């Protein structure tokens, strides 16, 4: 179920982005090369599409909040795997409370 949901979301996202790019090409008459490419294309295309929507500030806040939450969620997975590996490999870290190790590593990563 997870794989099919993720695949469906990716295909739907592709349709959305390339529909917006096609609309931009139609409106500006520019070549596809001039419209941009790469990962940043989604930010340009979504930002332009949001500008045409009703209540566009709301949609912009929702979109960029979603991106922020996805980044934070990815960071949780990264930190959890890194902290687990540190506690497994460095014996004296096992004697320290887990919250203390987590706080120290998070502080060092913040710096």
PDB file of N, CA and C in Angstrom:
ATOM      1  N   UNK A   1       0.830  -1.187   0.000  1.00  0.00           N
ATOM      2  CA  UNK A   1       0.000   0.000   0.000  1.00  0.00           C
ATOM      3  C   UNK A   1       0.878   1.255   0.000  1.00  0.00           C
ATOM      4  N   UNK A   2       1.982   1.218   0.756  1.00  0.00           N
ATOM      5  CA  UNK A   2       2.858   2.381   0.838  1.00  0.00           C
ATOM      6  C   UNK A   2       3.525   2.636  -0.510  1.00  0.00           C
ATOM      7  N   UNK A   3       3.972   1.576  -1.163  1.00  0.00           N
ATOM      8  CA  UNK A   3       4.663   1.721  -2.440  1.00  0.00           C
ATOM      9  C   UNK A   3       3.724   2.283  -3.495  1.00  0.00           C
ATOM     10  N   UNK A   4       2.504   1.768  -3.554  1.00  0.00           N
ATOM     11  CA  UNK A   4       1.563   2.269  -4.562  1.00  0.00           C
ATOM     12  C   UNK A   4       1.156   3.708  -4.272  1.00  0.00           C
ATOM     13  N   UNK A   5       1.028   4.075  -2.996  1.00  0.00           N
ATOM     14  CA  UNK A   5       0.693   5.455  -2.654  1.00  0.00           C
ATOM     15  C   UNK A   5       1.828   6.389  -3.040  1.00  0.00           C
ATOM     16  N   UNK A   6       3.058   5.990  -2.763  1.00  0.00           N
ATOM     17  CA  UNK A   6       4.207   6.818  -3.113  1.00  0.00           C
ATOM     18  C   UNK A   6       4.354   6.941  -4.629  1.00  0.00           C
ATOM     19  N   UNK A   7       4.179   5.846  -5.337  1.00  0.00           N
ATOM     20  CA  UNK A   7       4.287   5.889  -6.798  1.00  0.00           C
ATOM     21  C   UNK A   7       3.200   6.762  -7.408  1.00  0.00           C
ATOM     22  N   UNK A   8       1.983   6.637  -6.897  1.00  0.00           N
ATOM     23  CA  UNK A   8       0.880   7.453  -7.395  1.00  0.00           C
ATOM     24  C   UNK A   8       1.152   8.933  -7.125  1.00  0.00           C
ATOM     25  N   UNK A   9       1.657   9.249  -5.951  1.00  0.00           N
ATOM     26  CA  UNK A   9       1.998  10.631  -5.625  1.00  0.00           C
ATOM     27  C   UNK A   9       3.080  11.187  -6.526  1.00  0.00           C
ATOM     28  N   UNK A  10       4.074  10.368  -6.853  1.00  0.00           N
ATOM     29  CA  UNK A  10       5.152  10.817  -7.736  1.00  0.00           C
ATOM     30  C   UNK A  10       4.639  11.084  -9.149  1.00  0.00           C
ATOM     31  N   UNK A  11       3.798  10.193  -9.653  1.00  0.00           N
ATOM     32  CA  UNK A  11       3.239  10.386 -10.991  1.00  0.00           C
ATOM     33  C   UNK A  11       2.350  11.627 -11.020  1.00  0.00           C
ATOM     34  N   UNK A  12       1.526  11.792 -10.007  1.00  0.00           N
ATOM     35  CA  UNK A  12       0.661  12.964  -9.930  1.00  0.00           C
ATOM     36  C   UNK A  12       1.490  14.247  -9.842  1.00  0.00           C
ATOM     37  N   UNK A  13       2.551  14.228  -9.042  1.00  0.00           N
ATOM     38  CA  UNK A  13       3.435  15.385  -8.942  1.00  0.00           C
ATOM     39  C   UNK A  13       4.090  15.708 -10.273  1.00  0.00           C
ATOM     40  N   UNK A  14       4.482  14.689 -11.019  1.00  0.00           N
ATOM     41  CA  UNK A  14       5.059  14.905 -12.351  1.00  0.00           C
ATOM     42  C   UNK A  14       4.064  15.554 -13.291  1.00  0.00           C
ATOM     43  N   UNK A  15       2.820  15.087 -13.265  1.00  0.00           N
ATOM     44  CA  UNK A  15       1.788  15.704 -14.098  1.00  0.00           C
ATOM     45  C   UNK A  15       1.580  17.169 -13.733  1.00  0.00           C
ATOM     46  N   UNK A  16       1.574  17.461 -12.452  1.00  0.00           N
ATOM     47  CA  UNK A  16       1.355  18.845 -12.003  1.00  0.00           C
ATOM     48  C   UNK A  16       2.491  19.740 -12.469  1.00  0.00           C
ATOM     49  N   UNK A  17       3.729  19.335 -12.209  1.00  0.00           N
ATOM     50  CA  UNK A  17       4.885  20.164 -12.563  1.00  0.00           C
ATOM     51  C   UNK A  17       4.953  20.381 -14.073  1.00  0.00           C
ATOM     52  N   UNK A  18       4.812  19.318 -14.851  1.00  0.00           N
ATOM     53  CA  UNK A  18       4.962  19.478 -16.290  1.00  0.00           C
ATOM     54  C   UNK A  18       3.753  20.154 -16.923  1.00  0.00           C
ATOM     55  N   UNK A  19       2.605  20.091 -16.300  1.00  0.00           N
ATOM     56  CA  UNK A  19       1.459  20.878 -16.769  1.00  0.00           C
ATOM     57  C   UNK A  19       1.731  22.361 -16.583  1.00  0.00           C
ATOM     58  N   UNK A  20       2.302  22.703 -15.452  1.00  0.00           N
ATOM     59  CA  UNK A  20       2.632  24.110 -15.182  1.00  0.00           C
ATOM     60  C   UNK A  20       3.721  24.593 -16.134  1.00  0.00           C
ATOM     61  N   UNK A  21       4.724  23.748 -16.398  1.00  0.00           N
ATOM     62  CA  UNK A  21       5.789  24.129 -17.327  1.00  0.00           C
ATOM     63  C   UNK A  21       5.219  24.314 -18.735  1.00  0.00           C
ATOM     64  N   UNK A  22       4.320  23.435 -19.146  1.00  0.00           N
ATOM     65  CA  UNK A  22       3.682  23.576 -20.453  1.00  0.00           C
ATOM     66  C   UNK A  22       2.868  24.857 -20.538  1.00  0.00           C
ATOM     67  N   UNK A  23       2.176  25.187 -19.470  1.00  0.00           N
ATOM     68  CA  UNK A  23       1.401  26.435 -19.429  1.00  0.00           C
ATOM     69  C   UNK A  23       2.326  27.648 -19.530  1.00  0.00           C
ATOM     70  N   UNK A  24       3.455  27.596 -18.810  1.00  0.00           N
ATOM     71  CA  UNK A  24       4.419  28.701 -18.877  1.00  0.00           C
ATOM     72  C   UNK A  24       4.977  28.846 -20.292  1.00  0.00           C
ATOM     73  N   UNK A  25       5.263  27.718 -20.955  1.00  0.00           N
ATOM     74  CA  UNK A  25       5.774  27.769 -22.327  1.00  0.00           C
ATOM     75  C   UNK A  25       4.723  28.371 -23.244  1.00  0.00           C
ATOM     76  N   UNK A  26       3.481  27.989 -23.070  1.00  0.00           N
ATOM     77  CA  UNK A  26       2.402  28.509 -23.901  1.00  0.00           C
ATOM     78  C   UNK A  26       2.226  30.015 -23.696  1.00  0.00           C
ATOM     79  N   UNK A  27       2.295  30.464 -22.451  1.00  0.00           N
ATOM     80  CA  UNK A  27       2.071  31.886 -22.159  1.00  0.00           C
ATOM     81  C   UNK A  27       3.258  32.764 -22.558  1.00  0.00           C
ATOM     82  N   UNK A  28       4.483  32.281 -22.379  1.00  0.00           N
ATOM     83  CA  UNK A  28       5.659  33.106 -22.673  1.00  0.00           C
ATOM     84  C   UNK A  28       6.211  32.873 -24.075  1.00  0.00           C
ATOM     85  N   UNK A  29       5.961  31.704 -24.649  1.00  0.00           N
ATOM     86  CA  UNK A  29       6.507  31.386 -25.962  1.00  0.00           C
ATOM     87  C   UNK A  29       7.982  31.030 -25.910  1.00  0.00           C
ATOM     88  N   UNK A  30       8.527  30.887 -24.718  1.00  0.00           N
ATOM     89  CA  UNK A  30       9.952  30.572 -24.554  1.00  0.00           C
ATOM     90  C   UNK A  30      10.199  29.083 -24.793  1.00  0.00           C
ATOM     91  N   UNK A  31      11.445  28.750 -25.102  1.00  0.00           N
ATOM     92  CA  UNK A  31      11.825  27.344 -25.226  1.00  0.00           C
ATOM     93  C   UNK A  31      11.861  26.696 -23.851  1.00  0.00           C
ATOM     94  N   UNK A  32      11.787  25.377 -23.837  1.00  0.00           N
ATOM     95  CA  UNK A  32      11.839  24.662 -22.556  1.00  0.00           C
ATOM     96  C   UNK A  32      13.166  24.878 -21.845  1.00  0.00           C
ATOM     97  N   UNK A  33      14.248  25.070 -22.637  1.00  0.00           N
ATOM     98  CA  UNK A  33      15.559  25.291 -22.026  1.00  0.00           C
ATOM     99  C   UNK A  33      15.593  26.578 -21.206  1.00  0.00           C
ATOM    100  N   UNK A  34      14.818  27.570 -21.605  1.00  0.00           N
ATOM    101  CA  UNK A  34      14.808  28.855 -20.914  1.00  0.00           C
ATOM    102  C   UNK A  34      13.913  28.842 -19.675  1.00  0.00           C
ATOM    103  N   UNK A  35      13.061  27.838 -19.547  1.00  0.00           N
ATOM    104  CA  UNK A  35      12.121  27.785 -18.422  1.00  0.00           C
ATOM    105  C   UNK A  35      12.751  27.236 -17.155  1.00  0.00           C
ATOM    106  N   UNK A  36      13.929  26.653 -17.254  1.00  0.00           N
ATOM    107  CA  UNK A  36      14.604  26.110 -16.076  1.00  0.00           C
ATOM    108  C   UNK A  36      14.583  24.598 -16.092  1.00  0.00           C
ATOM    109  N   UNK A  37      15.409  24.023 -15.221  1.00  0.00           N
ATOM    110  CA  UNK A  37      15.471  22.564 -15.122  1.00  0.00           C
ATOM    111  C   UNK A  37      16.026  22.182 -13.762  1.00  0.00           C
ATOM    112  N   UNK A  38      16.017  20.906 -13.487  1.00  0.00           N
ATOM    113  CA  UNK A  38      16.569  20.392 -12.242  1.00  0.00           C
ATOM    114  C   UNK A  38      15.588  20.457 -11.086  1.00  0.00           C
ATOM    115  N   UNK A  39      16.087  20.194  -9.882  1.00  0.00           N
ATOM    116  CA  UNK A  39      15.217  20.180  -8.704  1.00  0.00           C
ATOM    117  C   UNK A  39      14.566  21.528  -8.416  1.00  0.00           C
ATOM    118  N   UNK A  40      15.228  22.621  -8.784  1.00  0.00           N
ATOM    119  CA  UNK A  40      14.671  23.940  -8.550  1.00  0.00           C
ATOM    120  C   UNK A  40      13.443  24.235  -9.393  1.00  0.00           C
ATOM    121  N   UNK A  41      13.239  23.444 -10.448  1.00  0.00           N
ATOM    122  CA  UNK A  41      12.086  23.650 -11.320  1.00  0.00           C
ATOM    123  C   UNK A  41      10.781  23.514 -10.550  1.00  0.00           C
ATOM    124  N   UNK A  42      10.741  22.591  -9.609  1.00  0.00           N
ATOM    125  CA  UNK A  42       9.518  22.418  -8.821  1.00  0.00           C
ATOM    126  C   UNK A  42       9.215  23.676  -8.013  1.00  0.00           C
ATOM    127  N   UNK A  43      10.237  24.309  -7.471  1.00  0.00           N
ATOM    128  CA  UNK A  43      10.002  25.515  -6.677  1.00  0.00           C
ATOM    129  C   UNK A  43       9.504  26.661  -7.552  1.00  0.00           C
ATOM    130  N   UNK A  44      10.075  26.791  -8.741  1.00  0.00           N
ATOM    131  CA  UNK A  44       9.645  27.853  -9.648  1.00  0.00           C
ATOM    132  C   UNK A  44       8.241  27.578 -10.146  1.00  0.00           C
ATOM    133  N   UNK A  45       7.993  26.346 -10.558  1.00  0.00           N
ATOM    134  CA  UNK A  45       6.683  25.996 -11.119  1.00  0.00           C
ATOM    135  C   UNK A  45       5.586  26.093 -10.068  1.00  0.00           C
ATOM    136  N   UNK A  46       5.832  25.571  -8.875  1.00  0.00           N
ATOM    137  CA  UNK A  46       4.813  25.616  -7.829  1.00  0.00           C
ATOM    138  C   UNK A  46       4.565  27.052  -7.389  1.00  0.00           C
ATOM    139  N   UNK A  47       5.618  27.849  -7.269  1.00  0.00           N
ATOM    140  CA  UNK A  47       5.444  29.241  -6.859  1.00  0.00           C
ATOM    141  C   UNK A  47       4.598  30.009  -7.874  1.00  0.00           C
ATOM    142  N   UNK A  48       4.826  29.753  -9.147  1.00  0.00           N
ATOM    143  CA  UNK A  48       4.032  30.435 -10.165  1.00  0.00           C
ATOM    144  C   UNK A  48       2.594  29.937 -10.170  1.00  0.00           C
ATOM    145  N   UNK A  49       2.410  28.637  -9.980  1.00  0.00           N
ATOM    146  CA  UNK A  49       1.047  28.091  -9.952  1.00  0.00           C
ATOM    147  C   UNK A  49       0.280  28.618  -8.750  1.00  0.00           C
ATOM    148  N   UNK A  50       0.939  28.716  -7.615  1.00  0.00           N
ATOM    149  CA  UNK A  50       0.282  29.222  -6.408  1.00  0.00           C
ATOM    150  C   UNK A  50      -0.149  30.667  -6.598  1.00  0.00           C
ATOM    151  N   UNK A  51       0.615  31.432  -7.360  1.00  0.00           N
ATOM    152  CA  UNK A  51       0.277  32.840  -7.585  1.00  0.00           C
ATOM    153  C   UNK A  51      -1.053  32.995  -8.317  1.00  0.00           C
ATOM    154  N   UNK A  52      -1.446  32.001  -9.111  1.00  0.00           N
ATOM    155  CA  UNK A  52      -2.705  32.069  -9.850  1.00  0.00           C
ATOM    156  C   UNK A  52      -3.899  31.536  -9.061  1.00  0.00           C
ATOM    157  N   UNK A  53      -3.682  30.905  -7.926  1.00  0.00           N
ATOM    158  CA  UNK A  53      -4.766  30.297  -7.151  1.00  0.00           C
ATOM    159  C   UNK A  53      -5.491  31.336  -6.306  1.00  0.00           C
ATOM    160  N   UNK A  54      -6.732  31.003  -5.972  1.00  0.00           N
ATOM    161  CA  UNK A  54      -7.462  31.823  -5.011  1.00  0.00           C
ATOM    162  C   UNK A  54      -6.820  31.631  -3.645  1.00  0.00           C
ATOM    163  N   UNK A  55      -6.805  32.647  -2.838  1.00  0.00           N
ATOM    164  CA  UNK A  55      -6.185  32.625  -1.507  1.00  0.00           C
ATOM    165  C   UNK A  55      -4.731  32.144  -1.624  1.00  0.00           C
ATOM    166  N   UNK A  56      -3.985  32.720  -2.549  1.00  0.00           N
ATOM    167  CA  UNK A  56      -2.620  32.250  -2.819  1.00  0.00           C
ATOM    168  C   UNK A  56      -1.684  32.314  -1.611  1.00  0.00           C
ATOM    169  N   UNK A  57      -1.786  33.301  -0.711  1.00  0.00           N
ATOM    170  CA  UNK A  57      -0.880  33.258   0.447  1.00  0.00           C
ATOM    171  C   UNK A  57      -1.098  32.020   1.322  1.00  0.00           C
ATOM    172  N   UNK A  58      -2.340  31.591   1.443  1.00  0.00           N
ATOM    173  CA  UNK A  58      -2.621  30.388   2.235  1.00  0.00           C
ATOM    174  C   UNK A  58      -1.954  29.173   1.610  1.00  0.00           C
ATOM    175  N   UNK A  59      -2.084  29.009   0.299  1.00  0.00           N
ATOM    176  CA  UNK A  59      -1.491  27.859  -0.371  1.00  0.00           C
ATOM    177  C   UNK A  59       0.030  27.905  -0.311  1.00  0.00           C
ATOM    178  N   UNK A  60       0.595  29.104  -0.412  1.00  0.00           N
ATOM    179  CA  UNK A  60       2.055  29.236  -0.318  1.00  0.00           C
ATOM    180  C   UNK A  60       2.545  28.820   1.065  1.00  0.00           C
ATOM    181  N   UNK A  61       1.856  29.274   2.107  1.00  0.00           N
ATOM    182  CA  UNK A  61       2.238  28.910   3.474  1.00  0.00           C
ATOM    183  C   UNK A  61       2.090  27.404   3.679  1.00  0.00           C
ATOM    184  N   UNK A  62       1.014  26.816   3.174  1.00  0.00           N
ATOM    185  CA  UNK A  62       0.817  25.369   3.315  1.00  0.00           C
ATOM    186  C   UNK A  62       1.898  24.583   2.579  1.00  0.00           C
ATOM    187  N   UNK A  63       2.245  25.011   1.365  1.00  0.00           N
ATOM    188  CA  UNK A  63       3.260  24.295   0.583  1.00  0.00           C
ATOM    189  C   UNK A  63       4.622  24.338   1.256  1.00  0.00           C
ATOM    190  N   UNK A  64       5.043  25.544   1.663  1.00  0.00           N
ATOM    191  CA  UNK A  64       6.370  25.643   2.258  1.00  0.00           C
ATOM    192  C   UNK A  64       6.402  25.076   3.673  1.00  0.00           C
ATOM    193  N   UNK A  65       5.275  25.056   4.369  1.00  0.00           N
ATOM    194  CA  UNK A  65       5.208  24.361   5.661  1.00  0.00           C
ATOM    195  C   UNK A  65       5.361  22.861   5.460  1.00  0.00           C
ATOM    196  N   UNK A  66       4.742  22.342   4.401  1.00  0.00           N
ATOM    197  CA  UNK A  66       4.890  20.925   4.092  1.00  0.00           C
ATOM    198  C   UNK A  66       6.350  20.585   3.814  1.00  0.00           C
ATOM    199  N   UNK A  67       7.040  21.438   3.042  1.00  0.00           N
ATOM    200  CA  UNK A  67       8.450  21.187   2.764  1.00  0.00           C
ATOM    201  C   UNK A  67       9.288  21.214   4.034  1.00  0.00           C
ATOM    202  N   UNK A  68       8.999  22.167   4.920  1.00  0.00           N
ATOM    203  CA  UNK A  68       9.719  22.245   6.190  1.00  0.00           C
ATOM    204  C   UNK A  68       9.499  20.983   7.019  1.00  0.00           C
ATOM    205  N   UNK A  69       8.254  20.529   7.103  1.00  0.00           N
ATOM    206  CA  UNK A  69       7.958  19.326   7.886  1.00  0.00           C
ATOM    207  C   UNK A  69       8.581  18.081   7.273  1.00  0.00           C
ATOM    208  N   UNK A  70       8.626  17.996   5.948  1.00  0.00           N
ATOM    209  CA  UNK A  70       9.304  16.866   5.313  1.00  0.00           C
ATOM    210  C   UNK A  70      10.793  16.864   5.637  1.00  0.00           C
ATOM    211  N   UNK A  71      11.403  18.049   5.645  1.00  0.00           N
ATOM    212  CA  UNK A  71      12.816  18.145   5.995  1.00  0.00           C
ATOM    213  C   UNK A  71      13.081  17.753   7.431  1.00  0.00           C
ATOM    214  N   UNK A  72      12.229  18.214   8.343  1.00  0.00           N
ATOM    215  CA  UNK A  72      12.391  17.875   9.758  1.00  0.00           C
ATOM    216  C   UNK A  72      12.189  16.376   9.963  1.00  0.00           C
ATOM    217  N   UNK A  73      11.218  15.794   9.276  1.00  0.00           N
ATOM    218  CA  UNK A  73      10.972  14.353   9.388  1.00  0.00           C
ATOM    219  C   UNK A  73      12.174  13.556   8.889  1.00  0.00           C
ATOM    220  N   UNK A  74      12.769  13.987   7.797  1.00  0.00           N
ATOM    221  CA  UNK A  74      13.969  13.314   7.293  1.00  0.00           C
ATOM    222  C   UNK A  74      15.117  13.444   8.280  1.00  0.00           C
ATOM    223  N   UNK A  75      15.207  14.585   8.931  1.00  0.00           N
ATOM    224  CA  UNK A  75      16.259  14.802   9.919  1.00  0.00           C
ATOM    225  C   UNK A  75      16.096  13.878  11.127  1.00  0.00           C
ATOM    226  N   UNK A  76      14.851  13.618  11.541  1.00  0.00           N
ATOM    227  CA  UNK A  76      14.622  12.682  12.646  1.00  0.00           C
ATOM    228  C   UNK A  76      15.175  11.304  12.308  1.00  0.00           C
ATOM    229  N   UNK A  77      14.908  10.829  11.114  1.00  0.00           N
ATOM    230  CA  UNK A  77      15.427   9.518  10.705  1.00  0.00           C
ATOM    231  C   UNK A  77      16.938   9.485  10.665  1.00  0.00           C
ATOM    232  N   UNK A  78      17.535  10.551  10.136  1.00  0.00           N
ATOM    233  CA  UNK A  78      18.994  10.638  10.066  1.00  0.00           C
ATOM    234  C   UNK A  78      19.609  10.637  11.457  1.00  0.00           C
ATOM    235  N   UNK A  79      19.082  11.472  12.349  1.00  0.00           N
ATOM    236  CA  UNK A  79      19.635  11.581  13.698  1.00  0.00           C
ATOM    237  C   UNK A  79      19.449  10.277  14.477  1.00  0.00           C
ATOM    238  N   UNK A  80      18.300   9.647  14.336  1.00  0.00           N
ATOM    239  CA  UNK A  80      18.056   8.404  15.079  1.00  0.00           C
ATOM    240  C   UNK A  80      19.029   7.316  14.649  1.00  0.00           C
ATOM    241  N   UNK A  81      19.257   7.177  13.358  1.00  0.00           N
ATOM    242  CA  UNK A  81      20.199   6.150  12.900  1.00  0.00           C
ATOM    243  C   UNK A  81      21.629   6.481  13.310  1.00  0.00           C
ATOM    244  N   UNK A  82      22.001   7.752  13.247  1.00  0.00           N
ATOM    245  CA  UNK A  82      23.353   8.152  13.641  1.00  0.00           C
ATOM    246  C   UNK A  82      23.571   7.947  15.147  1.00  0.00           C
ATOM    247  N   UNK A  83      22.595   8.346  15.957  1.00  0.00           N
ATOM    248  CA  UNK A  83      22.739   8.195  17.407  1.00  0.00           C
ATOM    249  C   UNK A  83      22.780   6.725  17.818  1.00  0.00           C
ATOM    250  N   UNK A  84      21.983   5.901  17.172  1.00  0.00           N
ATOM    251  CA  UNK A  84      22.004   4.469  17.481  1.00  0.00           C
ATOM    252  C   UNK A  84      23.371   3.878  17.145  1.00  0.00           C
ATOM    253  N   UNK A  85      23.916   4.256  16.000  1.00  0.00           N
ATOM    254  CA  UNK A  85      25.227   3.746  15.601  1.00  0.00           C
ATOM    255  C   UNK A  85      26.323   4.221  16.559  1.00  0.00           C
ATOM    256  N   UNK A  86      26.262   5.472  16.982  1.00  0.00           N
ATOM    257  CA  UNK A  86      27.251   5.980  17.933  1.00  0.00           C
ATOM    258  C   UNK A  86      27.207   5.203  19.247  1.00  0.00           C
ATOM    259  N   UNK A  87      26.007   4.955  19.744  1.00  0.00           N
ATOM    260  CA  UNK A  87      25.879   4.228  21.018  1.00  0.00           C
ATOM    261  C   UNK A  87      26.328   2.771  20.890  1.00  0.00           C
ATOM    262  N   UNK A  88      26.194   2.191  19.709  1.00  0.00           N
ATOM    263  CA  UNK A  88      26.645   0.815  19.498  1.00  0.00           C
ATOM    264  C   UNK A  88      28.168   0.727  19.385  1.00  0.00           C
ATOM    265  N   UNK A  89      28.779   1.696  18.736  1.00  0.00           N
ATOM    266  CA  UNK A  89      30.212   1.632  18.438  1.00  0.00           C
ATOM    267  C   UNK A  89      31.101   2.173  19.549  1.00  0.00           C
ATOM    268  N   UNK A  90      30.608   3.125  20.328  1.00  0.00           N
ATOM    269  CA  UNK A  90      31.429   3.748  21.372  1.00  0.00           C
ATOM    270  C   UNK A  90      30.910   3.274  22.726  1.00  0.00           C
ATOM    271  N   UNK A  91      31.672   2.383  23.392  1.00  0.00           N
ATOM    272  CA  UNK A  91      31.164   1.727  24.608  1.00  0.00           C
ATOM    273  C   UNK A  91      30.817   2.681  25.759  1.00  0.00           C
ATOM    274  N   UNK A  92      31.601   3.728  25.985  1.00  0.00           N
ATOM    275  CA  UNK A  92      31.322   4.563  27.151  1.00  0.00           C
ATOM    276  C   UNK A  92      30.027   5.377  26.974  1.00  0.00           C
ATOM    277  N   UNK A  93      29.549   5.520  25.743  1.00  0.00           N
ATOM    278  CA  UNK A  93      28.274   6.230  25.532  1.00  0.00           C
ATOM    279  C   UNK A  93      27.080   5.417  26.029  1.00  0.00           C
ATOM    280  N   UNK A  94      27.272   4.100  26.174  1.00  0.00           N
ATOM    281  CA  UNK A  94      26.174   3.262  26.675  1.00  0.00           C
ATOM    282  C   UNK A  94      25.885   3.531  28.144  1.00  0.00           C
ATOM    283  N   UNK A  95      26.915   3.981  28.882  1.00  0.00           N
ATOM    284  CA  UNK A  95      26.731   4.247  30.313  1.00  0.00           C
ATOM    285  C   UNK A  95      26.032   5.591  30.558  1.00  0.00           C
ATOM    286  N   UNK A  96      26.113   6.493  29.587  1.00  0.00           N
ATOM    287  CA  UNK A  96      25.469   7.800  29.730  1.00  0.00           C
ATOM    288  C   UNK A  96      24.012   7.670  29.315  1.00  0.00           C
ATOM    289  N   UNK A  97      23.154   8.431  29.976  1.00  0.00           N
ATOM    290  CA  UNK A  97      21.735   8.381  29.621  1.00  0.00           C
ATOM    291  C   UNK A  97      21.550   8.771  28.160  1.00  0.00           C
ATOM    292  N   UNK A  98      20.587   8.120  27.532  1.00  0.00           N
ATOM    293  CA  UNK A  98      20.348   8.330  26.108  1.00  0.00           C
ATOM    294  C   UNK A  98      20.010   9.793  25.807  1.00  0.00           C
ATOM    295  N   UNK A  99      19.240  10.432  26.680  1.00  0.00           N
ATOM    296  CA  UNK A  99      18.850  11.824  26.444  1.00  0.00           C
ATOM    297  C   UNK A  99      20.066  12.756  26.473  1.00  0.00           C
ATOM    298  N   UNK A 100      21.029  12.445  27.321  1.00  0.00           N
ATOM    299  CA  UNK A 100      22.239  13.264  27.392  1.00  0.00           C
ATOM    300  C   UNK A 100      23.054  13.166  26.117  1.00  0.00           C
ATOM    301  N   UNK A 101      23.215  11.958  25.603  1.00  0.00           N
ATOM    302  CA  UNK A 101      23.955  11.751  24.353  1.00  0.00           C
ATOM    303  C   UNK A 101      23.225  12.450  23.204  1.00  0.00           C
ATOM    304  N   UNK A 102      21.911  12.276  23.165  1.00  0.00           N
ATOM    305  CA  UNK A 102      21.124  12.900  22.101  1.00  0.00           C
ATOM    306  C   UNK A 102      21.265  14.417  22.135  1.00  0.00           C
ATOM    307  N   UNK A 103      21.183  14.998  23.316  1.00  0.00           N
ATOM    308  CA  UNK A 103      21.283  16.450  23.450  1.00  0.00           C
ATOM    309  C   UNK A 103      22.657  16.944  23.014  1.00  0.00           C
ATOM    310  N   UNK A 104      23.713  16.237  23.411  1.00  0.00           N
ATOM    311  CA  UNK A 104      25.073  16.649  23.029  1.00  0.00           C
ATOM    312  C   UNK A 104      25.282  16.568  21.522  1.00  0.00           C
ATOM    313  N   UNK A 105      24.853  15.484  20.920  1.00  0.00           N
ATOM    314  CA  UNK A 105      25.031  15.332  19.472  1.00  0.00           C
ATOM    315  C   UNK A 105      24.211  16.368  18.715  1.00  0.00           C
ATOM    316  N   UNK A 106      22.986  16.604  19.145  1.00  0.00           N
ATOM    317  CA  UNK A 106      22.151  17.620  18.484  1.00  0.00           C
ATOM    318  C   UNK A 106      22.766  19.005  18.625  1.00  0.00           C
ATOM    319  N   UNK A 107      23.331  19.300  19.782  1.00  0.00           N
ATOM    320  CA  UNK A 107      23.990  20.592  19.973  1.00  0.00           C
ATOM    321  C   UNK A 107      25.205  20.729  19.081  1.00  0.00           C
ATOM    322  N   UNK A 108      26.004  19.672  18.973  1.00  0.00           N
ATOM    323  CA  UNK A 108      27.175  19.712  18.100  1.00  0.00           C
ATOM    324  C   UNK A 108      26.772  19.848  16.632  1.00  0.00           C
ATOM    325  N   UNK A 109      25.698  19.194  16.248  1.00  0.00           N
ATOM    326  CA  UNK A 109      25.220  19.312  14.868  1.00  0.00           C
ATOM    327  C   UNK A 109      24.686  20.730  14.603  1.00  0.00           C
ATOM    328  N   UNK A 110      24.137  21.359  15.638  1.00  0.00           N
ATOM    329  CA  UNK A 110      23.634  22.714  15.495  1.00  0.00           C
ATOM    330  C   UNK A 110      24.762  23.691  15.220  1.00  0.00           C
ATOM    331  N   UNK A 111      25.909  23.457  15.880  1.00  0.00           N
ATOM    332  CA  UNK A 111      27.065  24.332  15.682  1.00  0.00           C
ATOM    333  C   UNK A 111      27.582  24.184  14.280  1.00  0.00           C
TER     334      UNK A 111
END
